[in-house]
Amino acid sequence: MPDIFLHGALTHAPLLCHVLGRPADLRPADLPDHSLRWSGDPADLPLLSPDPGATAPGARLAASAEDVARLCFYLAKDKLDDLRLSDGRQALAWVAPSTAPHWDAAAWGARWGDLATAATRAVMAQPADSDPARIAGLRPFLTARAWAQVLGQQTAPATLRGDPGRDAVEIVADHPGHEGFFRLRRFDLRHRRFDGTWSPPMGREAFIAYDAALILPYDPVTDCVLLIEQLRYGPVMRGDSRPWMLEPVAGLVDAGEDPAACALREAREEAGLDLAHAEPMLKVYASPGYSTEYFHCFLGVCDLSRHATGLGGLAEEHEDIRSHVIPFDQAMALVDSGEINAAPLATMLLWLARARPRLRAAA
């Protein structure tokens, strides 16, 4: 069987180990009349593009039929292209014409290596009989959820709670579950108890979601906050007769995106606000008993004096959002009455109540 010519992210050893299911012995190789291109989107793979006169660096792997099959599964391709390397050797590779910028290996590895490796682990965990088009369609979701895992390494302090470490939890078995925009993961696990013994294995399920960035716009001069209102499907499915919710501005953190940048972007998209800065408030799990969903909460100090109730949201995301600018005391009255019944908004308003004197004195 011909060698495989590996390029771009596929030469990143931790990533390739997940693709092949084993460590690989790679040898340097070059492919003439091709170059490496990349869109800059961490959900995309660097492309091997025809480019007369150029030379694409990479590595060759003496591959088995299983290696080729696993690589095709990862790339969501039926087959690889047959090429000749600079030394005349025959090799199989994935070729895709592109006019994207040239790929920078060093910059990619430093910034995206961990994310790409986590996303690859998720891709290779999909059922082996998955349709290639389905794998390609899932890749953006898998990459965004992988980014949440990368962000999850920046964990909270442990001063009161114990700190036995992640090794004190063992996933004994994984079982098939729903995989789409969200993932339902079924698994068996055991963990070390507080008395030092290990629990018996137990079956559990977890809702695998994304990290989200939330921002509460506040004007310390007028002492007003901006809230948004929109239909929410959780209350619909619960049977709530009033499923339109008051919430902070919020959105899912894209793969590779800084949560603060996400918060500022969502303020523009949902409320028409161009905020210069997002002040960290708190970072919390939404419902840690069964969900990975995690909230990065920010305060957006701004001028709301000329910002009235309005409509916003992205049509392509089917968003229908109404914003409300109201006095802080009115917002707290809505917490007291129960009309504000979204926990993130109530929590952020209570955080603001403590910080409000400082913010108003500095205005």
Protein backbone atom coordinates (compact mmCIF):
# COMPACT_ATOMS: atom_id res chain seq x y z
CA MET A 1 0.00 0.00 0.00
CA PRO A 2 1.33 3.54 -0.77
CA ASP A 3 2.38 5.81 2.05
CA ILE A 4 0.00 8.50 3.29
CA PHE A 5 1.18 12.10 2.97
CA LEU A 6 0.07 13.94 6.10
CA HIS A 7 -0.08 17.71 6.16
CA GLY A 8 -1.13 20.57 8.36
CA ALA A 9 -2.91 19.60 11.55
CA LEU A 10 -2.48 15.93 10.71
CA THR A 11 1.22 16.19 11.56
CA HIS A 12 0.35 17.32 15.12
CA ALA A 13 1.27 14.18 17.08
CA PRO A 14 -1.47 14.29 19.78
CA LEU A 15 -4.15 14.89 17.14
CA LEU A 16 -2.87 12.17 14.82
CA CYS A 17 -2.78 9.68 17.69
CA HIS A 18 -6.56 10.07 18.06
CA VAL A 19 -7.10 9.75 14.31
CA LEU A 20 -5.11 6.53 14.01
CA GLY A 21 -5.87 5.17 17.47
CA ARG A 22 -2.15 4.73 18.09
CA PRO A 23 1.14 6.67 18.07
CA ALA A 24 2.64 7.07 14.59
CA ASP A 25 6.19 6.96 13.24
CA LEU A 26 6.38 9.84 10.75
CA ARG A 27 9.11 10.67 8.26
CA PRO A 28 9.57 14.19 6.80
CA ALA A 29 8.29 14.58 3.24
CA ASP A 30 7.42 17.29 0.71
CA LEU A 31 4.77 17.47 -1.99
CA PRO A 32 5.67 19.55 -5.07
CA ASP A 33 3.26 21.98 -6.74
CA HIS A 34 1.06 22.25 -3.67
CA SER A 35 0.75 24.60 -0.68
CA LEU A 36 -1.08 24.54 2.64
CA ARG A 37 -4.05 26.89 3.05
CA TRP A 38 -6.30 27.66 5.99
CA SER A 39 -9.39 29.82 6.47
CA GLY A 40 -8.45 30.72 10.05
CA ASP A 41 -11.60 29.08 11.42
CA PRO A 42 -10.59 26.55 14.10
CA ALA A 43 -13.47 24.32 12.97
CA ASP A 44 -11.78 23.99 9.54
CA LEU A 45 -8.80 21.83 8.67
CA PRO A 46 -5.77 23.17 6.77
CA LEU A 47 -6.14 22.30 3.08
CA LEU A 48 -3.58 20.86 0.68
CA SER A 49 -4.18 23.00 -2.40
CA PRO A 50 -2.66 22.73 -5.92
CA ASP A 51 -0.10 25.54 -6.35
CA PRO A 52 2.35 25.22 -9.30
CA GLY A 53 5.93 25.90 -8.25
CA ALA A 54 5.24 25.71 -4.53
CA THR A 55 6.22 22.92 -2.15
CA ALA A 56 4.03 21.72 0.72
CA PRO A 57 5.89 20.38 3.77
CA GLY A 58 4.50 17.41 5.63
CA ALA A 59 5.24 13.86 6.67
CA ARG A 60 4.73 10.41 5.26
CA LEU A 61 3.34 7.44 7.08
CA ALA A 62 3.69 3.79 6.13
CA ALA A 63 -0.01 3.10 6.51
CA SER A 64 -2.24 0.08 6.81
CA ALA A 65 -5.67 -0.27 5.27
CA GLU A 66 -7.12 0.50 8.71
CA ASP A 67 -5.07 3.71 8.89
CA VAL A 68 -6.47 4.83 5.54
CA ALA A 69 -10.01 3.98 6.62
CA ARG A 70 -9.66 5.91 9.88
CA LEU A 71 -8.18 8.90 8.08
CA CYS A 72 -11.00 8.93 5.52
CA PHE A 73 -13.50 8.75 8.40
CA TYR A 74 -11.84 11.71 10.11
CA LEU A 75 -11.75 13.77 6.91
CA ALA A 76 -15.31 12.72 5.98
CA LYS A 77 -14.02 11.55 2.58
CA ASP A 78 -14.69 8.37 0.63
CA LYS A 79 -11.11 8.14 -0.63
CA LEU A 80 -7.76 9.93 -0.83
CA ASP A 81 -5.96 11.27 -3.90
CA ASP A 82 -2.98 9.46 -5.46
CA LEU A 83 0.10 11.74 -5.70
CA ARG A 84 3.89 11.73 -6.05
CA LEU A 85 6.15 13.17 -3.37
CA SER A 86 9.32 15.17 -4.07
CA ASP A 87 11.41 11.99 -3.75
CA GLY A 88 9.24 10.19 -6.31
CA ARG A 89 7.41 8.01 -3.80
CA GLN A 90 3.74 7.34 -4.40
CA ALA A 91 1.49 8.64 -1.61
CA LEU A 92 -2.15 9.13 -0.75
CA ALA A 93 -3.31 12.54 0.41
CA TRP A 94 -6.38 14.74 0.74
CA VAL A 95 -6.31 17.55 -1.85
CA ALA A 96 -8.77 20.47 -1.87
CA PRO A 97 -8.25 23.61 -4.02
CA SER A 98 -8.30 26.78 -1.94
CA THR A 99 -7.44 30.48 -2.17
CA ALA A 100 -7.34 30.91 1.62
CA PRO A 101 -4.20 32.39 3.25
CA HIS A 102 -1.12 30.22 3.70
CA TRP A 103 -1.06 28.07 6.82
CA ASP A 104 1.43 28.94 9.58
CA ALA A 105 2.34 25.73 11.40
CA ALA A 106 3.97 27.35 14.44
CA ALA A 107 1.17 29.83 15.02
CA TRP A 108 -1.50 27.16 14.55
CA GLY A 109 0.11 24.73 17.00
CA ALA A 110 0.53 27.30 19.74
CA ARG A 111 -3.03 28.63 19.52
CA TRP A 112 -5.20 25.82 18.19
CA GLY A 113 -3.37 22.55 18.90
CA ASP A 114 -5.24 21.72 22.11
CA LEU A 115 -8.61 22.66 20.62
CA ALA A 116 -8.04 20.68 17.42
CA THR A 117 -6.92 17.64 19.42
CA ALA A 118 -10.02 17.75 21.63
CA ALA A 119 -12.27 18.15 18.58
CA THR A 120 -10.54 15.24 16.85
CA ARG A 121 -11.15 13.03 19.89
CA ALA A 122 -14.86 13.87 19.59
CA VAL A 123 -14.93 13.16 15.84
CA MET A 124 -13.26 9.78 16.23
CA ALA A 125 -15.72 8.85 19.00
CA GLN A 126 -18.59 8.89 16.47
CA PRO A 127 -20.00 5.54 15.30
CA ALA A 128 -17.76 3.94 12.67
CA ASP A 129 -20.67 3.56 10.24
CA SER A 130 -21.52 7.28 10.29
CA ASP A 131 -22.20 8.90 6.94
CA PRO A 132 -19.31 11.21 5.85
CA ALA A 133 -21.73 14.08 5.29
CA ARG A 134 -23.00 13.68 8.84
CA ILE A 135 -19.44 13.83 10.23
CA ALA A 136 -18.75 16.97 8.18
CA GLY A 137 -21.98 18.56 9.42
CA LEU A 138 -21.20 17.75 13.06
CA ARG A 139 -17.64 19.12 12.98
CA PRO A 140 -18.52 22.76 13.89
CA PHE A 141 -20.60 21.58 16.87
CA LEU A 142 -17.92 19.13 18.00
CA THR A 143 -15.27 21.84 17.75
CA ALA A 144 -17.31 24.35 19.74
CA ARG A 145 -17.93 21.78 22.47
CA ALA A 146 -14.23 20.91 22.42
CA TRP A 147 -13.46 24.59 23.02
CA ALA A 148 -15.60 24.42 26.15
CA GLN A 149 -13.39 21.55 27.32
CA VAL A 150 -10.29 23.65 26.70
CA LEU A 151 -11.80 26.57 28.63
CA GLY A 152 -12.76 24.10 31.35
CA GLN A 153 -9.10 23.62 32.21
CA GLN A 154 -9.23 27.14 33.74
CA THR A 155 -11.10 25.87 36.77
CA ALA A 156 -12.26 27.68 39.88
CA PRO A 157 -10.29 27.78 43.18
CA ALA A 158 -10.65 25.11 45.86
CA THR A 159 -10.34 26.69 49.32
CA LEU A 160 -13.39 25.23 51.08
CA ARG A 161 -14.22 22.30 48.83
CA GLY A 162 -11.93 19.31 48.50
CA ASP A 163 -9.49 18.92 45.65
CA PRO A 164 -8.94 15.20 44.97
CA GLY A 165 -8.30 15.91 41.27
CA ARG A 166 -9.82 14.63 38.06
CA ASP A 167 -8.14 11.25 38.62
CA ALA A 168 -10.63 10.64 41.42
CA VAL A 169 -13.35 10.17 38.76
CA GLU A 170 -13.25 7.24 36.33
CA ILE A 171 -15.51 6.86 33.30
CA VAL A 172 -15.97 3.09 33.23
CA ALA A 173 -17.99 2.84 30.02
CA ASP A 174 -19.57 5.01 27.31
CA HIS A 175 -22.88 4.18 25.63
CA PRO A 176 -24.47 5.55 22.44
CA GLY A 177 -26.51 8.75 22.86
CA HIS A 178 -27.98 11.53 20.76
CA GLU A 179 -25.41 13.60 18.81
CA GLY A 180 -26.44 16.85 17.15
CA PHE A 181 -26.34 20.54 18.04
CA PHE A 182 -26.37 19.21 21.60
CA ARG A 183 -25.18 15.84 22.81
CA LEU A 184 -26.75 13.46 25.29
CA ARG A 185 -23.97 11.31 26.73
CA ARG A 186 -24.76 8.05 28.52
CA PHE A 187 -21.98 6.61 30.64
CA ASP A 188 -21.01 4.57 33.69
CA LEU A 189 -18.64 6.08 36.22
CA ARG A 190 -17.24 5.60 39.67
CA HIS A 191 -15.55 8.11 41.96
CA ARG A 192 -13.56 8.35 45.15
CA ARG A 193 -15.78 9.05 48.16
CA PHE A 194 -15.04 11.51 50.94
CA ASP A 195 -14.03 8.59 53.18
CA GLY A 196 -11.35 7.54 50.66
CA THR A 197 -13.13 4.46 49.27
CA TRP A 198 -14.35 4.09 45.69
CA SER A 199 -18.06 4.12 44.82
CA PRO A 200 -19.51 1.24 42.81
CA PRO A 201 -20.02 1.95 39.08
CA MET A 202 -23.25 3.83 38.39
CA GLY A 203 -25.08 4.68 35.18
CA ARG A 204 -25.65 8.35 34.45
CA GLU A 205 -26.55 10.74 31.62
CA ALA A 206 -25.23 14.23 30.91
CA PHE A 207 -26.40 16.99 28.59
CA ILE A 208 -23.30 18.15 26.69
CA ALA A 209 -23.75 21.80 25.76
CA TYR A 210 -21.48 24.80 25.19
CA ASP A 211 -19.96 27.67 27.11
CA ALA A 212 -22.03 30.84 26.86
CA ALA A 213 -21.14 34.51 27.38
CA LEU A 214 -23.70 36.74 29.09
CA ILE A 215 -23.52 40.51 29.48
CA LEU A 216 -25.71 42.93 31.45
CA PRO A 217 -25.54 46.49 30.03
CA TYR A 218 -25.67 49.09 32.82
CA ASP A 219 -25.63 52.90 32.77
CA PRO A 220 -24.37 54.17 36.16
CA VAL A 221 -25.36 57.75 35.33
CA THR A 222 -29.05 57.02 34.71
CA ASP A 223 -28.95 53.90 36.93
CA CYS A 224 -30.62 51.85 34.21
CA VAL A 225 -30.08 48.34 32.88
CA LEU A 226 -30.89 46.81 29.52
CA LEU A 227 -32.74 43.48 29.50
CA ILE A 228 -33.80 41.45 26.51
CA GLU A 229 -36.99 39.47 25.98
CA GLN A 230 -37.41 36.44 23.73
CA LEU A 231 -39.25 33.13 23.39
CA ARG A 232 -37.44 30.27 25.13
CA TYR A 233 -38.00 26.60 24.27
CA GLY A 234 -37.31 25.23 27.73
CA PRO A 235 -40.40 26.94 29.17
CA VAL A 236 -42.38 25.89 26.07
CA MET A 237 -41.47 22.22 26.63
CA ARG A 238 -42.24 22.55 30.37
CA GLY A 239 -45.73 23.79 29.56
CA ASP A 240 -45.18 27.34 30.85
CA SER A 241 -48.09 29.51 29.69
CA ARG A 242 -45.77 32.54 29.43
CA PRO A 243 -42.61 31.25 27.71
CA TRP A 244 -41.24 34.69 26.78
CA MET A 245 -38.35 35.36 29.15
CA LEU A 246 -36.47 38.40 30.43
CA GLU A 247 -32.74 37.69 30.23
CA PRO A 248 -29.32 39.29 29.88
CA VAL A 249 -27.78 39.57 26.43
CA ALA A 250 -26.17 36.17 25.76
CA GLY A 251 -24.77 33.84 23.14
CA LEU A 252 -22.76 30.67 22.67
CA VAL A 253 -18.98 31.04 22.65
CA ASP A 254 -17.68 30.03 19.22
CA ALA A 255 -14.71 27.68 18.92
CA GLY A 256 -11.54 29.58 19.73
CA GLU A 257 -13.43 32.72 20.77
CA ASP A 258 -12.61 34.66 23.93
CA PRO A 259 -15.76 34.77 26.09
CA ALA A 260 -15.43 38.55 26.62
CA ALA A 261 -15.24 39.09 22.85
CA CYS A 262 -18.32 36.90 22.47
CA ALA A 263 -20.20 39.04 25.02
CA LEU A 264 -19.36 42.24 23.13
CA ARG A 265 -20.37 40.65 19.82
CA GLU A 266 -23.72 39.54 21.23
CA ALA A 267 -24.37 43.04 22.60
CA ARG A 268 -24.10 44.36 19.03
CA GLU A 269 -26.23 41.60 17.50
CA GLU A 270 -29.00 41.42 20.09
CA ALA A 271 -29.23 44.96 21.45
CA GLY A 272 -27.46 47.22 18.95
CA LEU A 273 -24.87 48.27 21.55
CA ASP A 274 -21.21 48.87 20.69
CA LEU A 275 -19.53 48.31 24.03
CA ALA A 276 -15.84 48.97 24.51
CA HIS A 277 -15.27 46.72 27.51
CA ALA A 278 -16.79 43.74 29.31
CA GLU A 279 -16.10 43.66 33.06
CA PRO A 280 -16.00 40.11 34.48
CA MET A 281 -18.78 39.36 36.95
CA LEU A 282 -18.83 35.64 37.71
CA LYS A 283 -18.38 32.25 36.06
CA VAL A 284 -20.92 29.56 36.91
CA TYR A 285 -22.38 26.24 35.85
CA ALA A 286 -26.02 26.49 34.86
CA SER A 287 -27.10 23.12 36.28
CA PRO A 288 -24.07 21.01 37.26
CA GLY A 289 -26.12 17.99 38.27
CA TYR A 290 -26.59 16.95 34.65
CA SER A 291 -25.36 19.64 32.22
CA THR A 292 -21.96 20.92 31.04
CA GLU A 293 -23.45 24.34 30.20
CA TYR A 294 -21.25 27.08 31.66
CA PHE A 295 -21.84 30.83 31.87
CA HIS A 296 -19.17 33.53 31.57
CA CYS A 297 -20.98 36.59 32.96
CA PHE A 298 -19.94 40.19 32.28
CA LEU A 299 -21.09 43.72 33.01
CA GLY A 300 -21.18 46.24 30.18
CA VAL A 301 -20.90 49.80 31.52
CA CYS A 302 -22.37 52.09 28.86
CA ASP A 303 -24.58 55.09 28.06
CA LEU A 304 -28.21 53.98 27.81
CA SER A 305 -29.71 57.50 27.89
CA ARG A 306 -30.60 57.41 24.19
CA HIS A 307 -31.26 53.68 23.93
CA ALA A 308 -34.98 52.93 24.04
CA THR A 309 -36.91 49.70 23.74
CA GLY A 310 -36.16 48.14 20.36
CA LEU A 311 -35.98 44.97 18.31
CA GLY A 312 -32.86 42.98 17.44
CA GLY A 313 -31.34 39.58 16.73
CA LEU A 314 -30.02 37.75 13.69
CA ALA A 315 -32.58 36.61 11.14
CA GLU A 316 -30.39 33.68 10.05
CA GLU A 317 -30.49 32.39 13.64
CA HIS A 318 -34.28 32.91 13.85
CA GLU A 319 -33.81 35.41 16.68
CA ASP A 320 -36.72 37.68 17.58
CA ILE A 321 -35.49 39.85 20.45
CA ARG A 322 -36.96 42.88 22.17
CA SER A 323 -34.81 45.02 24.47
CA HIS A 324 -36.01 46.96 27.52
CA VAL A 325 -34.16 49.81 29.22
CA ILE A 326 -35.47 50.14 32.77
CA PRO A 327 -34.31 51.61 36.11
CA PHE A 328 -32.27 49.26 38.29
CA ASP A 329 -34.86 49.44 41.10
CA GLN A 330 -37.57 48.31 38.68
CA ALA A 331 -35.41 45.36 37.63
CA MET A 332 -34.98 44.33 41.27
CA ALA A 333 -38.74 44.65 41.78
CA LEU A 334 -39.19 42.20 38.89
CA VAL A 335 -36.85 39.79 40.69
CA ASP A 336 -38.94 40.14 43.85
CA SER A 337 -42.22 39.58 41.99
CA GLY A 338 -40.87 36.54 40.16
CA GLU A 339 -41.34 38.04 36.69
CA ILE A 340 -37.58 37.74 36.24
CA ASN A 341 -37.39 33.96 36.54
CA ALA A 342 -34.23 33.25 34.54
CA ALA A 343 -31.56 32.44 37.12
CA PRO A 344 -28.64 34.03 35.21
CA LEU A 345 -30.34 37.43 35.04
CA ALA A 346 -31.40 37.35 38.70
CA THR A 347 -27.86 36.38 39.72
CA MET A 348 -26.26 39.13 37.64
CA LEU A 349 -28.63 41.77 39.03
CA LEU A 350 -27.77 40.69 42.57
CA TRP A 351 -24.06 40.94 41.69
CA LEU A 352 -24.70 44.42 40.31
CA ALA A 353 -26.52 45.44 43.50
CA ARG A 354 -23.28 44.98 45.41
CA ALA A 355 -21.11 46.72 42.78
CA ARG A 356 -23.57 49.52 42.03
CA PRO A 357 -22.33 52.04 44.64
CA ARG A 358 -18.77 51.73 43.30
CA LEU A 359 -19.88 52.12 39.69
CA ARG A 360 -22.13 55.14 40.40
CA ALA A 361 -19.43 56.89 42.43
CA ALA A 362 -16.98 56.51 39.54
CA ALA A 363 -19.43 57.72 36.88
